[in-house]
PDB file of N, CA and C in Angstrom:
ATOM      1  N   MET A   1       3.762   8.937  -1.925  1.00  0.00           N
ATOM      2  CA  MET A   1       3.205   8.281  -0.763  1.00  0.00           C
ATOM      3  C   MET A   1       1.767   7.863  -1.081  1.00  0.00           C
ATOM      4  N   HIS A   2       1.413   6.717  -0.588  1.00  0.00           N
ATOM      5  CA  HIS A   2       0.088   6.158  -0.863  1.00  0.00           C
ATOM      6  C   HIS A   2      -0.840   6.363   0.333  1.00  0.00           C
ATOM      7  N   ARG A   3      -1.383   7.566   0.462  1.00  0.00           N
ATOM      8  CA  ARG A   3      -2.230   7.899   1.616  1.00  0.00           C
ATOM      9  C   ARG A   3      -3.548   7.140   1.610  1.00  0.00           C
ATOM     10  N   ILE A   4      -4.135   6.945   0.450  1.00  0.00           N
ATOM     11  CA  ILE A   4      -5.412   6.235   0.377  1.00  0.00           C
ATOM     12  C   ILE A   4      -5.205   4.776   0.769  1.00  0.00           C
ATOM     13  N   LEU A   5      -4.128   4.180   0.315  1.00  0.00           N
ATOM     14  CA  LEU A   5      -3.820   2.818   0.701  1.00  0.00           C
ATOM     15  C   LEU A   5      -3.663   2.719   2.212  1.00  0.00           C
ATOM     16  N   ARG A   6      -2.937   3.645   2.796  1.00  0.00           N
ATOM     17  CA  ARG A   6      -2.761   3.649   4.254  1.00  0.00           C
ATOM     18  C   ARG A   6      -4.112   3.770   4.962  1.00  0.00           C
ATOM     19  N   ALA A   7      -4.977   4.630   4.451  1.00  0.00           N
ATOM     20  CA  ALA A   7      -6.298   4.813   5.060  1.00  0.00           C
ATOM     21  C   ALA A   7      -7.116   3.525   4.978  1.00  0.00           C
ATOM     22  N   GLU A   8      -7.049   2.841   3.854  1.00  0.00           N
ATOM     23  CA  GLU A   8      -7.778   1.575   3.697  1.00  0.00           C
ATOM     24  C   GLU A   8      -7.215   0.509   4.641  1.00  0.00           C
ATOM     25  N   MET A   9      -5.915   0.518   4.855  1.00  0.00           N
ATOM     26  CA  MET A   9      -5.317  -0.421   5.791  1.00  0.00           C
ATOM     27  C   MET A   9      -5.834  -0.168   7.202  1.00  0.00           C
ATOM     28  N   VAL A  10      -5.965   1.094   7.574  1.00  0.00           N
ATOM     29  CA  VAL A  10      -6.495   1.440   8.897  1.00  0.00           C
ATOM     30  C   VAL A  10      -7.945   0.978   9.009  1.00  0.00           C
ATOM     31  N   LYS A  11      -8.745   1.229   7.971  1.00  0.00           N
ATOM     32  CA  LYS A  11     -10.149   0.799   7.984  1.00  0.00           C
ATOM     33  C   LYS A  11     -10.270  -0.707   8.167  1.00  0.00           C
ATOM     34  N   CYS A  12      -9.330  -1.447   7.583  1.00  0.00           N
ATOM     35  CA  CYS A  12      -9.354  -2.914   7.656  1.00  0.00           C
ATOM     36  C   CYS A  12      -8.568  -3.442   8.849  1.00  0.00           C
ATOM     37  N   ASN A  13      -8.064  -2.520   9.671  1.00  0.00           N
ATOM     38  CA  ASN A  13      -7.310  -2.895  10.868  1.00  0.00           C
ATOM     39  C   ASN A  13      -6.108  -3.782  10.523  1.00  0.00           C
ATOM     40  N   ARG A  14      -5.377  -3.395   9.479  1.00  0.00           N
ATOM     41  CA  ARG A  14      -4.189  -4.143   9.032  1.00  0.00           C
ATOM     42  C   ARG A  14      -2.950  -3.273   9.192  1.00  0.00           C
ATOM     43  N   THR A  15      -1.921  -3.835   9.773  1.00  0.00           N
ATOM     44  CA  THR A  15      -0.634  -3.144   9.877  1.00  0.00           C
ATOM     45  C   THR A  15       0.212  -3.499   8.657  1.00  0.00           C
ATOM     46  N   ILE A  16       1.277  -2.755   8.480  1.00  0.00           N
ATOM     47  CA  ILE A  16       2.203  -3.058   7.392  1.00  0.00           C
ATOM     48  C   ILE A  16       2.783  -4.454   7.591  1.00  0.00           C
ATOM     49  N   LEU A  17       3.129  -4.788   8.823  1.00  0.00           N
ATOM     50  CA  LEU A  17       3.695  -6.111   9.106  1.00  0.00           C
ATOM     51  C   LEU A  17       2.703  -7.219   8.757  1.00  0.00           C
ATOM     52  N   GLN A  18       1.443  -7.051   9.135  1.00  0.00           N
ATOM     53  CA  GLN A  18       0.432  -8.069   8.829  1.00  0.00           C
ATOM     54  C   GLN A  18       0.250  -8.232   7.325  1.00  0.00           C
ATOM     55  N   LEU A  19       0.098  -7.115   6.624  1.00  0.00           N
ATOM     56  CA  LEU A  19      -0.131  -7.169   5.187  1.00  0.00           C
ATOM     57  C   LEU A  19       1.078  -7.756   4.460  1.00  0.00           C
ATOM     58  N   ALA A  20       2.272  -7.345   4.871  1.00  0.00           N
ATOM     59  CA  ALA A  20       3.488  -7.884   4.259  1.00  0.00           C
ATOM     60  C   ALA A  20       3.561  -9.395   4.456  1.00  0.00           C
ATOM     61  N   SER A  21       3.232  -9.844   5.651  1.00  0.00           N
ATOM     62  CA  SER A  21       3.252 -11.278   5.943  1.00  0.00           C
ATOM     63  C   SER A  21       2.269 -12.032   5.056  1.00  0.00           C
ATOM     64  N   GLU A  22       1.079 -11.483   4.893  1.00  0.00           N
ATOM     65  CA  GLU A  22       0.067 -12.114   4.038  1.00  0.00           C
ATOM     66  C   GLU A  22       0.522 -12.157   2.574  1.00  0.00           C
ATOM     67  N   MET A  23       1.323 -11.167   2.171  1.00  0.00           N
ATOM     68  CA  MET A  23       1.799 -11.089   0.793  1.00  0.00           C
ATOM     69  C   MET A  23       3.062 -11.911   0.570  1.00  0.00           C
ATOM     70  N   GLY A  24       3.731 -12.291   1.650  1.00  0.00           N
ATOM     71  CA  GLY A  24       4.964 -13.047   1.522  1.00  0.00           C
ATOM     72  C   GLY A  24       6.178 -12.193   1.202  1.00  0.00           C
ATOM     73  N   ILE A  25       6.132 -10.916   1.633  1.00  0.00           N
ATOM     74  CA  ILE A  25       7.267 -10.013   1.436  1.00  0.00           C
ATOM     75  C   ILE A  25       7.661  -9.441   2.794  1.00  0.00           C
ATOM     76  N   SER A  26       8.809  -8.796   2.861  1.00  0.00           N
ATOM     77  CA  SER A  26       9.260  -8.242   4.142  1.00  0.00           C
ATOM     78  C   SER A  26       8.516  -6.945   4.459  1.00  0.00           C
ATOM     79  N   GLU A  27       8.482  -6.651   5.742  1.00  0.00           N
ATOM     80  CA  GLU A  27       7.863  -5.396   6.191  1.00  0.00           C
ATOM     81  C   GLU A  27       8.583  -4.205   5.569  1.00  0.00           C
ATOM     82  N   LYS A  28       9.905  -4.258   5.518  1.00  0.00           N
ATOM     83  CA  LYS A  28      10.692  -3.152   4.936  1.00  0.00           C
ATOM     84  C   LYS A  28      10.344  -2.945   3.464  1.00  0.00           C
ATOM     85  N   THR A  29      10.197  -4.039   2.724  1.00  0.00           N
ATOM     86  CA  THR A  29       9.841  -3.934   1.307  1.00  0.00           C
ATOM     87  C   THR A  29       8.490  -3.255   1.141  1.00  0.00           C
ATOM     88  N   LEU A  30       7.497  -3.683   1.923  1.00  0.00           N
ATOM     89  CA  LEU A  30       6.172  -3.073   1.806  1.00  0.00           C
ATOM     90  C   LEU A  30       6.203  -1.621   2.247  1.00  0.00           C
ATOM     91  N   ARG A  31       6.931  -1.331   3.307  1.00  0.00           N
ATOM     92  CA  ARG A  31       7.035   0.058   3.780  1.00  0.00           C
ATOM     93  C   ARG A  31       7.656   0.950   2.692  1.00  0.00           C
ATOM     94  N   ASN A  32       8.697   0.460   2.027  1.00  0.00           N
ATOM     95  CA  ASN A  32       9.328   1.227   0.947  1.00  0.00           C
ATOM     96  C   ASN A  32       8.356   1.484  -0.194  1.00  0.00           C
ATOM     97  N   LYS A  33       7.523   0.507  -0.504  1.00  0.00           N
ATOM     98  CA  LYS A  33       6.549   0.656  -1.586  1.00  0.00           C
ATOM     99  C   LYS A  33       5.456   1.647  -1.189  1.00  0.00           C
ATOM    100  N   ILE A  34       4.957   1.549   0.026  1.00  0.00           N
ATOM    101  CA  ILE A  34       3.910   2.464   0.489  1.00  0.00           C
ATOM    102  C   ILE A  34       4.438   3.894   0.547  1.00  0.00           C
ATOM    103  N   ASN A  35       5.688   4.050   0.941  1.00  0.00           N
ATOM    104  CA  ASN A  35       6.289   5.388   1.028  1.00  0.00           C
ATOM    105  C   ASN A  35       6.689   5.949  -0.327  1.00  0.00           C
ATOM    106  N   GLY A  36       6.589   5.132  -1.384  1.00  0.00           N
ATOM    107  CA  GLY A  36       6.912   5.606  -2.726  1.00  0.00           C
ATOM    108  C   GLY A  36       8.376   5.502  -3.087  1.00  0.00           C
ATOM    109  N   ASP A  37       9.164   4.825  -2.259  1.00  0.00           N
ATOM    110  CA  ASP A  37      10.583   4.658  -2.559  1.00  0.00           C
ATOM    111  C   ASP A  37      10.796   3.653  -3.679  1.00  0.00           C
ATOM    112  N   THR A  38       9.940   2.642  -3.753  1.00  0.00           N
ATOM    113  CA  THR A  38       9.952   1.674  -4.848  1.00  0.00           C
ATOM    114  C   THR A  38       8.512   1.478  -5.316  1.00  0.00           C
ATOM    115  N   ASP A  39       8.344   0.942  -6.514  1.00  0.00           N
ATOM    116  CA  ASP A  39       7.015   0.795  -7.103  1.00  0.00           C
ATOM    117  C   ASP A  39       6.401  -0.567  -6.785  1.00  0.00           C
ATOM    118  N   PHE A  40       5.081  -0.579  -6.724  1.00  0.00           N
ATOM    119  CA  PHE A  40       4.344  -1.834  -6.625  1.00  0.00           C
ATOM    120  C   PHE A  40       4.282  -2.461  -8.013  1.00  0.00           C
ATOM    121  N   THR A  41       4.315  -3.782  -8.074  1.00  0.00           N
ATOM    122  CA  THR A  41       4.036  -4.467  -9.332  1.00  0.00           C
ATOM    123  C   THR A  41       2.514  -4.607  -9.445  1.00  0.00           C
ATOM    124  N   LEU A  42       2.033  -4.853 -10.631  1.00  0.00           N
ATOM    125  CA  LEU A  42       0.595  -5.047 -10.809  1.00  0.00           C
ATOM    126  C   LEU A  42       0.090  -6.217  -9.972  1.00  0.00           C
ATOM    127  N   PRO A  43       0.764  -7.374  -9.986  1.00  0.00           N
ATOM    128  CA  PRO A  43       0.286  -8.477  -9.144  1.00  0.00           C
ATOM    129  C   PRO A  43       0.253  -8.123  -7.649  1.00  0.00           C
ATOM    130  N   GLU A  44       1.229  -7.354  -7.176  1.00  0.00           N
ATOM    131  CA  GLU A  44       1.228  -6.925  -5.771  1.00  0.00           C
ATOM    132  C   GLU A  44       0.027  -6.038  -5.486  1.00  0.00           C
ATOM    133  N   ALA A  45      -0.241  -5.098  -6.379  1.00  0.00           N
ATOM    134  CA  ALA A  45      -1.376  -4.194  -6.199  1.00  0.00           C
ATOM    135  C   ALA A  45      -2.688  -4.973  -6.188  1.00  0.00           C
ATOM    136  N   GLN A  46      -2.825  -5.917  -7.080  1.00  0.00           N
ATOM    137  CA  GLN A  46      -4.045  -6.726  -7.138  1.00  0.00           C
ATOM    138  C   GLN A  46      -4.206  -7.561  -5.869  1.00  0.00           C
ATOM    139  N   THR A  47      -3.106  -8.100  -5.361  1.00  0.00           N
ATOM    140  CA  THR A  47      -3.152  -8.894  -4.136  1.00  0.00           C
ATOM    141  C   THR A  47      -3.570  -8.042  -2.948  1.00  0.00           C
ATOM    142  N   ILE A  48      -3.005  -6.851  -2.841  1.00  0.00           N
ATOM    143  CA  ILE A  48      -3.361  -5.950  -1.739  1.00  0.00           C
ATOM    144  C   ILE A  48      -4.836  -5.595  -1.806  1.00  0.00           C
ATOM    145  N   ARG A  49      -5.313  -5.263  -2.984  1.00  0.00           N
ATOM    146  CA  ARG A  49      -6.731  -4.915  -3.149  1.00  0.00           C
ATOM    147  C   ARG A  49      -7.613  -6.079  -2.698  1.00  0.00           C
ATOM    148  N   ARG A  50      -7.242  -7.284  -3.082  1.00  0.00           N
ATOM    149  CA  ARG A  50      -8.014  -8.473  -2.702  1.00  0.00           C
ATOM    150  C   ARG A  50      -7.944  -8.709  -1.197  1.00  0.00           C
ATOM    151  N   LEU A  51      -6.753  -8.614  -0.615  1.00  0.00           N
ATOM    152  CA  LEU A  51      -6.588  -8.855   0.818  1.00  0.00           C
ATOM    153  C   LEU A  51      -7.345  -7.838   1.665  1.00  0.00           C
ATOM    154  N   LEU A  52      -7.397  -6.593   1.202  1.00  0.00           N
ATOM    155  CA  LEU A  52      -8.110  -5.557   1.948  1.00  0.00           C
ATOM    156  C   LEU A  52      -9.616  -5.625   1.712  1.00  0.00           C
ATOM    157  N   GLY A  53     -10.028  -6.276   0.630  1.00  0.00           N
ATOM    158  CA  GLY A  53     -11.454  -6.391   0.336  1.00  0.00           C
ATOM    159  C   GLY A  53     -12.107  -5.063   0.016  1.00  0.00           C
ATOM    160  N   THR A  54     -11.336  -4.136  -0.519  1.00  0.00           N
ATOM    161  CA  THR A  54     -11.859  -2.804  -0.826  1.00  0.00           C
ATOM    162  C   THR A  54     -12.590  -2.794  -2.158  1.00  0.00           C
ATOM    163  N   LYS A  55     -13.532  -1.878  -2.275  1.00  0.00           N
ATOM    164  CA  LYS A  55     -14.250  -1.699  -3.534  1.00  0.00           C
ATOM    165  C   LYS A  55     -13.594  -0.622  -4.400  1.00  0.00           C
ATOM    166  N   LEU A  56     -12.537   0.011  -3.873  1.00  0.00           N
ATOM    167  CA  LEU A  56     -11.819   1.016  -4.639  1.00  0.00           C
ATOM    168  C   LEU A  56     -11.132   0.367  -5.833  1.00  0.00           C
ATOM    169  N   THR A  57     -11.029   1.117  -6.919  1.00  0.00           N
ATOM    170  CA  THR A  57     -10.284   0.626  -8.075  1.00  0.00           C
ATOM    171  C   THR A  57      -8.795   0.673  -7.743  1.00  0.00           C
ATOM    172  N   LEU A  58      -7.983   0.000  -8.548  1.00  0.00           N
ATOM    173  CA  LEU A  58      -6.536   0.055  -8.344  1.00  0.00           C
ATOM    174  C   LEU A  58      -6.031   1.489  -8.471  1.00  0.00           C
ATOM    175  N   ASP A  59      -6.565   2.228  -9.437  1.00  0.00           N
ATOM    176  CA  ASP A  59      -6.148   3.627  -9.608  1.00  0.00           C
ATOM    177  C   ASP A  59      -6.461   4.450  -8.364  1.00  0.00           C
ATOM    178  N   GLU A  60      -7.630   4.235  -7.783  1.00  0.00           N
ATOM    179  CA  GLU A  60      -8.009   4.983  -6.573  1.00  0.00           C
ATOM    180  C   GLU A  60      -7.147   4.557  -5.382  1.00  0.00           C
ATOM    181  N   LEU A  61      -7.006   3.260  -5.195  1.00  0.00           N
ATOM    182  CA  LEU A  61      -6.283   2.734  -4.046  1.00  0.00           C
ATOM    183  C   LEU A  61      -4.807   3.109  -4.067  1.00  0.00           C
ATOM    184  N   PHE A  62      -4.221   3.149  -5.259  1.00  0.00           N
ATOM    185  CA  PHE A  62      -2.782   3.392  -5.372  1.00  0.00           C
ATOM    186  C   PHE A  62      -2.451   4.776  -5.917  1.00  0.00           C
ATOM    187  N   GLU A  63      -3.360   5.722  -5.739  1.00  0.00           N
ATOM    188  CA  GLU A  63      -3.081   7.108  -6.122  1.00  0.00           C
ATOM    189  C   GLU A  63      -1.844   7.576  -5.364  1.00  0.00           C
ATOM    190  N   VAL A  64      -0.947   8.230  -6.071  1.00  0.00           N
ATOM    191  CA  VAL A  64       0.326   8.649  -5.476  1.00  0.00           C
ATOM    192  C   VAL A  64       0.298  10.135  -5.173  1.00  0.00           C
ATOM    193  N   GLU A  65       0.709  10.462  -3.958  1.00  0.00           N
ATOM    194  CA  GLU A  65       0.920  11.865  -3.584  1.00  0.00           C
ATOM    195  C   GLU A  65       2.406  12.066  -3.431  1.00  0.00           C
ATOM    196  N   GLU A  66       2.884  13.144  -3.992  1.00  0.00           N
ATOM    197  CA  GLU A  66       4.308  13.435  -3.907  1.00  0.00           C
ATOM    198  C   GLU A  66       4.694  13.745  -2.474  1.00  0.00           C
ATOM    199  N   LYS A  67       5.911  13.354  -2.119  1.00  0.00           N
ATOM    200  CA  LYS A  67       6.433  13.684  -0.794  1.00  0.00           C
ATOM    201  C   LYS A  67       6.679  15.180  -0.720  1.00  0.00           C
ATOM    202  N   GLU A  68       6.428  15.736   0.466  1.00  0.00           N
ATOM    203  CA  GLU A  68       6.673  17.166   0.653  1.00  0.00           C
ATOM    204  C   GLU A  68       8.169  17.385   0.802  1.00  0.00           C
ATOM    205  N   HIS A  69       8.664  18.396   0.105  1.00  0.00           N
ATOM    206  CA  HIS A  69      10.077  18.743   0.221  1.00  0.00           C
ATOM    207  C   HIS A  69      10.160  20.031   1.040  1.00  0.00           C
ATOM    208  N   ARG A  70      10.934  19.979   2.096  1.00  0.00           N
ATOM    209  CA  ARG A  70      11.086  21.172   2.932  1.00  0.00           C
ATOM    210  C   ARG A  70      12.409  21.839   2.609  1.00  0.00           C
ATOM    211  N   ALA A  71      12.370  23.154   2.583  1.00  0.00           N
ATOM    212  CA  ALA A  71      13.589  23.906   2.241  1.00  0.00           C
ATOM    213  C   ALA A  71      14.457  24.111   3.437  1.00  0.00           C
TER     214      ALA A  71
END
């Protein structure tokens, strides 16, 4: 899961639907990528960084946290 990316989206007042629309992909596709179900491509990551206008590096912005597994 990309918690830092989600936090940056909140700071920029962007929803998944808005960001997906700006990127030209579906909301479901972006949601799957943010949740870690599928991977971002480098061009997608660069586009998101540019659209959000963040000063974070790609490594910082797209740091992955493992999903919690409950027993």
